[in-house]
Protein backbone atom coordinates (compact mmCIF):
# COMPACT_ATOMS: atom_id res chain seq x y z
CA MET A 1 -24.65 13.31 -8.33
CA SER A 2 -24.34 9.83 -9.61
CA ASP A 3 -21.02 8.86 -9.17
CA PRO A 4 -20.77 8.74 -5.54
CA PHE A 5 -17.61 7.68 -3.53
CA VAL A 6 -18.72 4.99 -1.65
CA VAL A 7 -16.92 3.93 1.50
CA VAL A 8 -17.65 0.80 3.54
CA GLY A 9 -16.45 0.94 7.40
CA ALA A 10 -15.95 4.03 9.39
CA ASP A 11 -13.05 3.87 11.32
CA ALA A 12 -9.26 4.78 10.47
CA ALA A 13 -8.88 3.98 6.75
CA GLY A 14 -12.70 4.62 6.10
CA LEU A 15 -12.94 8.21 7.48
CA SER A 16 -9.16 9.24 6.79
CA ALA A 17 -10.27 8.63 2.88
CA ALA A 18 -13.62 10.15 3.10
CA SER A 19 -12.25 13.36 4.91
CA LYS A 20 -9.38 13.63 2.42
CA PHE A 21 -11.88 13.09 -0.93
CA ARG A 22 -14.37 15.63 0.82
CA ARG A 23 -11.95 18.31 0.95
CA GLU A 24 -10.84 17.61 -2.96
CA ALA A 25 -13.56 16.78 -4.43
CA LEU A 26 -16.16 19.22 -3.62
CA ASP A 27 -18.51 18.08 -6.72
CA ARG A 28 -18.81 14.77 -5.79
CA GLU A 29 -21.12 12.68 -2.94
CA VAL A 30 -19.10 10.58 -0.50
CA VAL A 31 -21.26 7.85 1.73
CA VAL A 32 -19.86 5.90 4.52
CA PHE A 33 -21.70 2.68 5.53
CA GLU A 34 -21.02 1.69 9.12
CA LYS A 35 -22.64 -1.55 10.10
CA GLY A 36 -22.31 -0.71 14.08
CA ARG A 37 -22.66 2.74 15.81
CA TRP A 38 -18.89 3.20 16.77
CA ILE A 39 -16.59 5.18 14.44
CA SER A 40 -13.07 6.47 14.82
CA TYR A 41 -12.05 4.93 17.85
CA ALA A 42 -8.36 4.44 19.24
CA TYR A 43 -8.29 0.39 19.29
CA CYS A 44 -4.68 0.60 20.81
CA GLY A 45 -6.09 2.72 23.64
CA MET A 46 -8.45 -0.15 24.83
CA PRO A 47 -6.03 -1.98 27.18
CA TYR A 48 -5.35 1.69 28.68
CA PHE A 49 -8.89 2.34 29.40
CA ILE A 50 -9.28 -0.98 31.02
CA GLU A 51 -6.34 -0.57 33.18
CA GLY A 52 -7.93 3.01 34.15
CA ARG A 53 -5.03 5.01 32.84
CA VAL A 54 -7.64 6.41 30.50
CA GLU A 55 -10.39 7.79 32.70
CA ARG A 56 -13.25 8.03 30.30
CA MET A 57 -14.33 5.84 26.85
CA SER A 58 -15.09 9.23 25.13
CA ASN A 59 -11.28 9.55 25.39
CA LEU A 60 -10.61 7.16 22.93
CA LEU A 61 -12.89 9.00 20.19
CA SER A 62 -11.32 10.88 17.29
CA LEU A 63 -14.18 12.18 15.60
CA SER A 64 -17.96 12.25 16.54
CA PRO A 65 -20.84 11.63 13.94
CA THR A 66 -21.68 15.08 14.40
CA GLU A 67 -18.17 16.29 13.47
CA VAL A 68 -18.26 13.75 10.53
CA ASP A 69 -21.66 15.35 9.24
CA ASP A 70 -20.19 18.72 9.92
CA ARG A 71 -17.23 17.74 7.13
CA GLY A 72 -20.19 17.00 4.62
CA ILE A 73 -19.74 13.25 4.49
CA ASP A 74 -23.06 11.29 4.41
CA LEU A 75 -22.37 8.88 7.44
CA ARG A 76 -24.76 6.12 7.69
CA ARG A 77 -24.49 3.90 10.90
CA GLY A 78 -26.29 0.67 11.53
CA ARG A 79 -26.21 -0.12 7.88
CA GLU A 80 -24.31 -3.03 6.93
CA VAL A 81 -22.84 -3.80 3.16
CA VAL A 82 -23.62 -7.31 2.39
CA GLY A 83 -22.62 -7.79 -1.01
CA VAL A 84 -20.96 -5.95 -4.11
CA ASP A 85 -21.86 -6.21 -7.64
CA PRO A 86 -18.80 -4.63 -9.63
CA ASP A 87 -20.41 -4.97 -13.07
CA GLU A 88 -23.15 -2.89 -11.97
CA LYS A 89 -21.26 -0.90 -9.59
CA ARG A 90 -23.54 -1.30 -6.73
CA VAL A 91 -23.70 -2.40 -3.21
CA ALA A 92 -26.25 -4.33 -1.20
CA VAL A 93 -26.97 -2.81 2.16
CA GLU A 94 -28.88 -4.14 5.17
CA THR A 95 -30.43 -2.49 8.11
CA PRO A 96 -30.94 -3.76 11.76
CA ASP A 97 -34.40 -4.32 10.85
CA GLY A 98 -34.15 -6.60 8.00
CA ASP A 99 -34.65 -3.97 5.58
CA ALA A 100 -32.60 -4.04 2.18
CA PHE A 101 -31.55 -1.70 -0.55
CA GLU A 102 -28.85 -1.03 -3.21
CA GLN A 103 -26.60 2.04 -3.56
CA PRO A 104 -24.64 2.71 -6.67
CA TYR A 105 -21.06 3.78 -6.44
CA GLY A 106 -18.80 5.59 -9.06
CA ASP A 107 -15.72 4.33 -6.78
CA LEU A 108 -15.83 1.84 -3.88
CA LEU A 109 -13.46 1.86 -0.72
CA VAL A 110 -13.58 -1.47 1.34
CA ALA A 111 -12.39 -0.66 4.53
CA THR A 112 -14.05 -3.27 6.82
CA GLY A 113 -11.07 -3.83 9.31
CA GLY A 114 -10.60 -7.38 10.96
CA ARG A 115 -12.29 -9.12 13.85
CA ALA A 116 -10.80 -11.15 16.74
CA SER A 117 -9.66 -14.71 15.73
CA THR A 118 -10.47 -16.98 18.59
CA GLY A 119 -8.92 -20.19 17.18
CA PRO A 120 -10.84 -22.92 18.73
CA PHE A 121 -12.07 -20.91 21.56
CA ASP A 122 -15.67 -19.71 21.42
CA VAL A 123 -16.20 -17.17 24.17
CA ARG A 124 -19.92 -16.56 22.70
CA GLY A 125 -22.39 -17.20 25.71
CA ILE A 126 -19.55 -17.66 28.53
CA ASP A 127 -19.59 -14.90 31.06
CA GLY A 128 -16.08 -13.77 31.93
CA ALA A 129 -14.86 -14.85 28.59
CA PHE A 130 -14.00 -11.94 26.06
CA THR A 131 -11.97 -11.05 22.64
CA LEU A 132 -10.74 -7.43 22.97
CA HIS A 133 -11.58 -6.10 19.08
CA ASP A 134 -14.19 -3.32 19.95
CA MET A 135 -15.22 -0.66 22.45
CA ASP A 136 -18.30 -2.54 23.41
CA ALA A 137 -16.07 -5.40 24.71
CA ALA A 138 -13.82 -3.02 26.70
CA ALA A 139 -16.54 -1.59 27.96
CA ALA A 140 -17.68 -4.80 29.11
CA ILE A 141 -14.32 -5.95 30.45
CA ASP A 142 -14.01 -2.60 32.52
CA ALA A 143 -17.36 -3.47 34.21
CA TYR A 144 -16.90 -6.65 34.85
CA ILE A 145 -13.52 -6.34 36.48
CA ALA A 146 -14.98 -3.89 39.22
CA GLU A 147 -16.73 -4.84 42.21
CA PRO A 148 -20.63 -4.34 41.33
CA ASP A 149 -21.06 -1.43 44.15
CA ALA A 150 -17.92 0.08 43.10
CA TYR A 151 -18.46 0.44 39.29
CA ASP A 152 -18.37 3.83 37.74
CA PRO A 153 -20.94 3.98 34.45
CA ASP A 154 -19.63 7.37 33.76
CA ARG A 155 -16.51 5.56 32.52
CA ALA A 156 -18.26 4.15 29.85
CA ASP A 157 -19.69 7.63 28.61
CA VAL A 158 -20.53 7.32 24.86
CA SER A 159 -23.95 6.77 23.45
CA ALA A 160 -22.84 4.28 21.38
CA VAL A 161 -21.73 1.47 24.19
CA ASP A 162 -24.19 -1.46 24.53
CA ARG A 163 -25.42 -0.43 27.98
CA GLU A 164 -27.22 -3.72 28.65
CA ARG A 165 -24.24 -5.63 28.16
CA VAL A 166 -22.07 -3.33 30.48
CA GLU A 167 -24.92 -3.17 33.05
CA ARG A 168 -25.00 -7.08 32.86
CA ASN A 169 -21.27 -7.31 33.41
CA ALA A 170 -21.04 -4.75 36.14
CA ALA A 171 -23.63 -6.86 38.13
CA MET A 172 -21.29 -9.80 38.46
CA SER A 173 -18.82 -10.43 41.27
CA ALA A 174 -15.66 -9.35 40.52
CA PRO A 175 -12.78 -11.74 39.55
CA GLU A 176 -9.60 -12.52 41.36
CA THR A 177 -7.66 -14.57 38.74
CA ALA A 178 -7.36 -13.91 34.88
CA ALA A 179 -6.00 -15.85 32.04
CA ILE A 180 -4.83 -14.39 28.83
CA VAL A 181 -4.58 -16.99 25.80
CA GLY A 182 -2.15 -15.29 23.25
CA GLY A 183 1.13 -13.64 24.15
CA GLY A 184 1.31 -11.04 21.36
CA TYR A 185 0.39 -7.47 21.35
CA VAL A 186 -2.97 -7.58 23.10
CA GLY A 187 -1.83 -10.38 25.58
CA VAL A 188 1.23 -8.38 26.92
CA GLU A 189 -0.77 -5.05 27.43
CA MET A 190 -3.61 -6.88 28.74
CA ALA A 191 -1.28 -8.52 31.08
CA GLU A 192 -0.37 -5.19 32.52
CA ALA A 193 -3.69 -3.83 32.65
CA LEU A 194 -5.68 -6.54 34.28
CA SER A 195 -2.26 -6.44 36.84
CA GLY A 196 -2.93 -3.14 37.55
CA ARG A 197 -6.43 -3.43 38.56
CA GLY A 198 -5.45 -5.85 40.85
CA LEU A 199 -5.76 -9.51 39.53
CA ASP A 200 -3.89 -12.59 39.58
CA VAL A 201 -2.72 -12.81 36.13
CA HIS A 202 -1.55 -15.77 34.02
CA LEU A 203 -0.48 -15.12 30.60
CA PHE A 204 -0.27 -18.35 27.91
CA HIS A 205 1.73 -18.29 24.68
CA ARG A 206 2.01 -21.24 22.20
CA SER A 207 5.31 -20.42 21.23
CA GLY A 208 8.53 -20.51 23.29
CA HIS A 209 8.81 -16.71 23.51
CA LEU A 210 6.53 -13.83 24.28
CA LEU A 211 5.77 -11.47 20.95
CA SER A 212 6.91 -13.88 18.45
CA ASP A 213 7.14 -11.48 15.86
CA PHE A 214 9.61 -9.21 17.77
CA GLY A 215 12.44 -11.89 18.16
CA GLU A 216 13.65 -13.90 21.22
CA ALA A 217 15.70 -11.31 22.80
CA VAL A 218 12.67 -8.94 22.98
CA GLY A 219 10.67 -11.82 24.26
CA GLU A 220 12.82 -12.78 27.01
CA ARG A 221 13.25 -8.99 28.24
CA VAL A 222 9.45 -8.54 28.16
CA GLU A 223 8.93 -11.88 29.82
CA GLU A 224 11.49 -10.89 32.78
CA ALA A 225 9.31 -7.59 33.09
CA LEU A 226 6.26 -9.10 33.29
CA THR A 227 7.22 -11.75 35.74
CA GLY A 228 8.79 -9.06 38.06
CA GLU A 229 5.35 -7.59 38.32
CA GLY A 230 3.73 -10.70 39.35
CA VAL A 231 2.39 -11.92 35.85
CA THR A 232 2.77 -15.75 35.74
CA VAL A 233 4.22 -16.25 31.92
CA HIS A 234 3.65 -19.95 30.77
CA THR A 235 5.46 -19.99 27.31
CA GLY A 236 5.54 -23.58 25.13
CA THR A 237 2.38 -23.64 26.70
CA PRO A 238 -0.64 -24.31 24.26
CA VAL A 239 -4.11 -23.63 26.01
CA GLU A 240 -6.46 -26.77 25.15
CA ALA A 241 -10.18 -25.52 25.95
CA LEU A 242 -11.84 -22.70 28.10
CA VAL A 243 -13.82 -24.40 30.81
CA ALA A 244 -17.19 -23.16 31.64
CA ASP A 245 -20.94 -23.38 32.46
CA ASP A 246 -22.42 -20.22 32.25
CA ARG A 247 -19.31 -18.46 33.36
CA ILE A 248 -15.96 -19.30 32.79
CA GLU A 249 -14.54 -21.56 35.48
CA ALA A 250 -11.05 -22.74 34.31
CA ILE A 251 -8.78 -23.22 31.23
CA ARG A 252 -7.04 -26.38 30.50
CA PHE A 253 -3.90 -26.20 29.01
CA ALA A 254 -0.83 -28.64 27.96
CA ASP A 255 1.79 -29.67 30.08
CA GLY A 256 4.56 -30.46 27.58
CA ASP A 257 2.67 -33.49 25.98
CA ALA A 258 1.86 -33.21 22.59
CA ASP A 259 -1.19 -35.49 22.70
CA GLY A 260 -2.51 -33.20 25.71
CA GLU A 261 -2.58 -36.08 27.95
CA ASP A 262 -0.82 -34.64 30.98
CA ALA A 263 -2.98 -31.33 30.31
CA GLU A 264 -3.71 -29.58 33.51
CA THR A 265 -6.38 -26.98 34.93
CA LEU A 266 -6.22 -23.53 36.20
CA PRO A 267 -9.45 -22.37 37.97
CA VAL A 268 -10.19 -18.69 36.56
CA ASP A 269 -12.90 -16.27 36.54
CA LEU A 270 -11.95 -14.20 33.60
CA ALA A 271 -10.15 -15.07 30.58
CA VAL A 272 -9.34 -12.83 27.53
CA VAL A 273 -8.59 -14.43 24.19
CA GLY A 274 -6.15 -12.77 21.86
CA VAL A 275 -4.91 -15.28 19.19
CA GLY A 276 -5.06 -13.02 16.27
CA ILE A 277 -7.06 -11.01 13.70
CA ARG A 278 -9.05 -12.23 10.65
CA PRO A 279 -9.73 -9.58 7.53
CA ASN A 280 -13.40 -8.89 7.02
CA THR A 281 -13.82 -9.74 3.53
CA GLU A 282 -16.94 -11.35 3.30
CA LEU A 283 -18.80 -8.63 1.40
CA LEU A 284 -16.65 -9.47 -1.68
CA ASP A 285 -17.51 -13.16 -1.69
CA GLY A 286 -18.76 -14.08 -5.15
CA THR A 287 -16.84 -11.14 -6.96
CA GLY A 288 -13.74 -13.00 -8.14
CA VAL A 289 -11.48 -10.14 -6.13
CA GLU A 290 -7.75 -11.46 -5.62
CA LEU A 291 -6.99 -12.20 -2.22
CA GLY A 292 -3.47 -12.21 -0.81
CA GLU A 293 -1.73 -13.20 2.60
CA GLY A 294 -4.12 -13.91 5.18
CA GLY A 295 -7.21 -13.67 3.04
CA ALA A 296 -6.54 -9.93 3.07
CA VAL A 297 -7.97 -8.13 -0.38
CA LEU A 298 -4.90 -7.91 -2.42
CA THR A 299 -4.00 -4.35 -3.48
CA ASP A 300 -1.70 -2.27 -5.60
CA GLU A 301 0.69 0.61 -4.98
CA HIS A 302 -2.66 3.03 -4.95
CA GLY A 303 -4.72 0.92 -2.88
CA ARG A 304 -6.66 -0.44 -6.00
CA THR A 305 -8.05 -4.20 -5.92
CA SER A 306 -8.40 -6.71 -8.73
CA LEU A 307 -12.03 -5.48 -9.45
CA PRO A 308 -12.55 -1.89 -11.28
CA ASP A 309 -12.88 1.05 -9.34
CA VAL A 310 -12.77 -0.80 -6.09
CA TYR A 311 -10.37 0.03 -3.72
CA ALA A 312 -9.24 -1.46 0.06
CA ALA A 313 -7.30 -0.22 3.09
CA GLY A 314 -6.97 -1.05 6.47
CA ASP A 315 -6.86 -4.39 8.29
CA CYS A 316 -8.63 -6.12 5.39
CA ALA A 317 -5.86 -5.22 2.74
CA THR A 318 -2.49 -5.96 1.92
CA ALA A 319 0.20 -3.49 1.19
CA PHE A 320 3.96 -3.74 -0.11
CA HIS A 321 6.52 -4.72 2.41
CA ALA A 322 9.37 -2.36 2.07
CA VAL A 323 12.20 -4.87 2.61
CA THR A 324 10.75 -7.79 0.09
CA GLY A 325 8.70 -5.63 -2.14
CA GLU A 326 6.15 -8.15 -2.02
CA PRO A 327 2.16 -7.90 -1.00
CA ALA A 328 1.92 -8.40 2.89
CA TRP A 329 -0.49 -8.18 5.46
CA MET A 330 0.35 -6.38 8.52
CA PRO A 331 -2.93 -4.59 10.12
CA LEU A 332 -1.70 -1.55 12.15
CA GLY A 333 -3.19 1.81 12.73
CA LEU A 334 -0.56 4.02 10.95
CA THR A 335 -1.08 1.62 7.86
CA ALA A 336 -4.83 2.21 7.74
CA ASN A 337 -4.66 6.04 8.35
CA ARG A 338 -2.02 6.62 5.84
CA ALA A 339 -3.43 4.46 3.11
CA GLY A 340 -7.34 5.43 3.60
CA ARG A 341 -5.81 9.23 3.16
CA ALA A 342 -4.04 8.37 -0.25
CA ILE A 343 -7.06 6.56 -1.67
CA GLY A 344 -9.25 9.50 -0.82
CA ALA A 345 -6.85 11.61 -2.95
CA THR A 346 -6.23 9.21 -5.48
CA VAL A 347 -10.02 9.13 -6.00
CA ALA A 348 -10.37 12.77 -5.86
CA GLY A 349 -7.98 12.97 -8.74
CA ASP A 350 -4.61 13.18 -7.43
CA PRO A 351 -3.16 9.88 -7.80
CA SER A 352 -1.17 8.94 -4.10
CA PRO A 353 0.71 5.87 -3.16
CA VAL A 354 -0.44 4.24 -0.05
CA GLY A 355 3.02 3.95 1.04
CA ASP A 356 5.13 0.43 1.75
CA ILE A 357 4.92 -1.20 5.18
CA ALA A 358 7.51 -3.03 7.27
CA GLY A 359 5.61 -4.16 10.26
CA THR A 360 7.02 -1.26 12.45
CA ALA A 361 5.65 -1.77 15.89
CA VAL A 362 6.03 -0.81 19.50
CA VAL A 363 4.56 -2.24 22.75
CA LYS A 364 5.37 -2.06 26.64
CA ALA A 365 5.31 -3.94 29.63
CA PHE A 366 5.08 -1.89 32.70
CA GLU A 367 8.61 -0.05 32.41
CA MET A 368 9.86 -2.41 29.58
CA GLU A 369 9.56 -0.96 26.19
CA ALA A 370 9.99 -3.05 22.86
CA GLY A 371 10.08 -2.39 19.34
CA ARG A 372 10.33 -4.12 16.04
CA VAL A 373 10.66 -3.49 12.18
CA GLY A 374 11.19 -5.59 9.03
CA LEU A 375 12.24 -9.42 8.97
CA VAL A 376 13.53 -10.22 12.36
CA GLU A 377 12.81 -13.94 12.46
CA ASP A 378 15.49 -15.85 10.25
CA ALA A 379 12.55 -18.07 8.68
CA ALA A 380 11.05 -15.00 7.40
CA ALA A 381 13.99 -13.81 6.24
CA ARG A 382 14.99 -17.01 4.25
CA ALA A 383 11.05 -17.30 3.15
CA ALA A 384 12.03 -14.01 1.31
CA GLY A 385 14.86 -14.85 -0.41
CA PHE A 386 17.47 -13.54 2.24
CA ASP A 387 20.48 -15.22 3.88
CA PRO A 388 20.01 -13.62 7.19
CA VAL A 389 23.13 -12.66 9.65
CA ARG A 390 22.10 -11.28 13.29
CA GLU A 391 23.88 -9.99 16.01
CA THR A 392 22.14 -8.78 19.51
CA VAL A 393 23.95 -6.40 21.65
CA THR A 394 23.35 -4.57 24.87
CA ALA A 395 24.53 -1.19 25.22
CA GLY A 396 23.58 1.75 27.47
CA SER A 397 20.48 4.14 26.89
CA ARG A 398 22.57 7.36 27.89
CA SER A 399 25.95 7.81 28.93
CA GLY A 400 26.91 5.80 31.87
CA TYR A 401 27.54 8.70 34.12
CA TYR A 402 24.10 10.37 33.62
CA PRO A 403 21.28 9.09 35.65
CA GLY A 404 18.71 7.04 34.15
CA ALA A 405 20.60 5.01 31.91
CA ALA A 406 19.47 1.36 31.51
CA PRO A 407 20.71 -1.86 29.62
CA THR A 408 19.00 -1.70 25.96
CA ASP A 409 19.31 -4.69 23.52
CA VAL A 410 19.37 -4.31 19.94
CA THR A 411 18.95 -7.04 17.55
CA LEU A 412 20.02 -6.41 13.86
CA VAL A 413 19.36 -8.49 10.95
CA ALA A 414 21.19 -8.14 7.65
CA ASP A 415 21.53 -10.34 4.03
CA ARG A 416 24.90 -12.20 3.93
CA ASP A 417 25.46 -11.42 0.37
CA THR A 418 24.32 -7.65 0.10
CA GLY A 419 25.04 -6.20 3.90
CA ARG A 420 21.85 -4.72 3.35
CA LEU A 421 19.62 -4.21 6.76
CA ILE A 422 16.51 -6.32 6.57
CA GLY A 423 15.32 -5.99 10.25
CA GLY A 424 15.55 -5.21 13.98
CA SER A 425 14.25 -5.29 16.98
CA ILE A 426 15.14 -3.37 20.50
CA ALA A 427 13.93 -3.76 24.18
CA GLY A 428 14.77 -1.55 27.19
CA PRO A 429 13.21 0.32 30.01
CA ASP A 430 14.46 3.82 29.09
CA ARG A 431 13.12 5.18 25.59
CA ALA A 432 13.95 2.04 23.88
CA ALA A 433 11.02 1.83 21.62
CA ILE A 434 11.31 5.29 19.93
CA ARG A 435 14.66 4.37 18.97
CA ILE A 436 12.82 1.71 16.49
CA ASP A 437 12.10 4.61 13.85
CA THR A 438 15.98 5.19 13.06
CA LEU A 439 15.62 1.68 12.10
CA ALA A 440 12.58 1.91 10.23
CA THR A 441 13.93 4.74 8.06
CA ALA A 442 16.86 2.93 7.40
CA LEU A 443 14.86 0.12 6.30
CA GLU A 444 12.73 2.34 4.10
CA ALA A 445 16.24 3.99 2.44
CA ASP A 446 17.58 0.15 1.69
CA MET A 447 20.38 1.33 3.28
CA THR A 448 23.51 -1.14 4.33
CA VAL A 449 24.86 -2.05 7.57
CA PRO A 450 27.69 -0.42 7.07
CA GLU A 451 25.78 3.01 6.28
CA VAL A 452 23.63 2.66 9.57
CA GLU A 453 27.00 2.50 11.34
CA ARG A 454 28.04 5.80 9.54
CA LEU A 455 24.58 7.53 10.65
CA ASP A 456 24.89 10.75 12.52
CA LEU A 457 22.84 10.39 15.36
CA ALA A 458 22.69 12.77 18.16
CA TYR A 459 24.50 12.51 20.96
CA ALA A 460 24.38 14.47 24.87
CA PRO A 461 24.35 12.62 28.18
CA PRO A 462 20.79 13.07 29.10
CA PHE A 463 19.80 11.46 25.81
CA SER A 464 22.38 8.96 24.11
CA PRO A 465 26.14 7.79 24.55
CA VAL A 466 28.38 8.96 21.92
CA TRP A 467 27.57 5.46 20.33
CA ASP A 468 23.86 5.02 20.34
CA PRO A 469 23.10 1.54 20.85
CA ILE A 470 21.84 1.04 17.42
CA LEU A 471 25.37 2.34 16.09
CA VAL A 472 26.98 -0.16 18.49
CA ALA A 473 24.78 -2.80 16.94
CA ALA A 474 25.47 -1.89 13.51
CA LYS A 475 29.00 -1.75 14.25
CA VAL A 476 29.37 -5.23 15.56
CA LEU A 477 27.19 -6.59 12.77
CA ASN A 478 29.18 -5.06 10.18
CA GLY A 479 32.36 -6.62 12.05
CA THR A 480 30.76 -10.24 11.51
CA LEU A 481 30.07 -9.40 7.77
CA GLU A 482 33.48 -8.25 6.99
CA GLU A 483 34.78 -11.42 8.94
CA GLU A 484 32.65 -13.83 6.52
CA GLU A 485 33.73 -12.16 3.29
């Protein structure tokens, strides 16, 4: 077999592609390189492991190396692909021992994911300071939080775990006060997780409201939920520095002064930095591959890059936005799995589109749920060429007389000229998040606000009022659009 399908990265996109390819192309070899030891794990589940809702780290694994091998996939862990020669169709591979070799390919998938961006905050070498973007970090944080005599090593029950790092953190005195830098998905979820472990939690966010991509209405509801559970939220508060010797001691943050002259210091003994991620694309340096938003690899509707027979998927690649039709970078789990599966089929001879993306996402803060899709912020809508019109309504989640009904905020955004729905968000404590799927479907179908208003959504008192909150929001927004005609 001289034309193997070579995959770089053994997580969501990479193993989805390899598995689909293996089922459809039995006459070709598939080789998967993974520079680390972890494969196929649930990144989104790590805060819940740290909180203790997930009892064992092994619960977060989707596939074991043995299961991958049973599928007929040649998985090679501890092998880092450091370069690609698209002319010779070879990749350069290095081992932990410093050995190097080359692997030819017929088709190549780059599924190298992303890594945590720390901005100006370097957590390396500081005990008690972490980023959360891999399983070893989750295991280390879990061990660090526990009292030394109370830590259960069986929680990190996977052979791939960095045992030395876990034991080092487990031996330290347990923290009491935590600072989280960044109020996005990870920040909000970690605020709940650390609070659930009994810590005094401070959440810092540079912009004026949490979950910036979800819009102001959602950010305010989530902040209320966090503060109601004892989390101290600092919005509009840039963190300037981590203060540490060998172990984290404090964080320094601005106090409304752009020059930082009035900076304050908060003593902490745990810090989690979650200010974003960056795509891992260094192995393609020097190849001339086209890059897109955020430095991610630019791909077409089938996941092809600008290099011949080279594909990219997952957190390192772009996809087409369902609203704008332009390439966009939105590193989310379903995007990676779906694109990987499609590329595996394409390489096997069944051309399959990776699908559009709309940034559909959900998150929870204690009992508060939130979701978003499409272009929620006016600035993003205008940058894409739309003239946004928005309305935010509050409606009941169920019939008012049925127990459990709760206020649900829905924001819808439409294009003024066409009436097309271009984005939306939702927040509430009673099954609010799942309702975002209705809006995601409407965006994929290019529906107008009047068409959304006429959707025949299900009604029964335990589930929804006659007018679902989404229908109420569409009705109000449609009225606004009609008034402006």
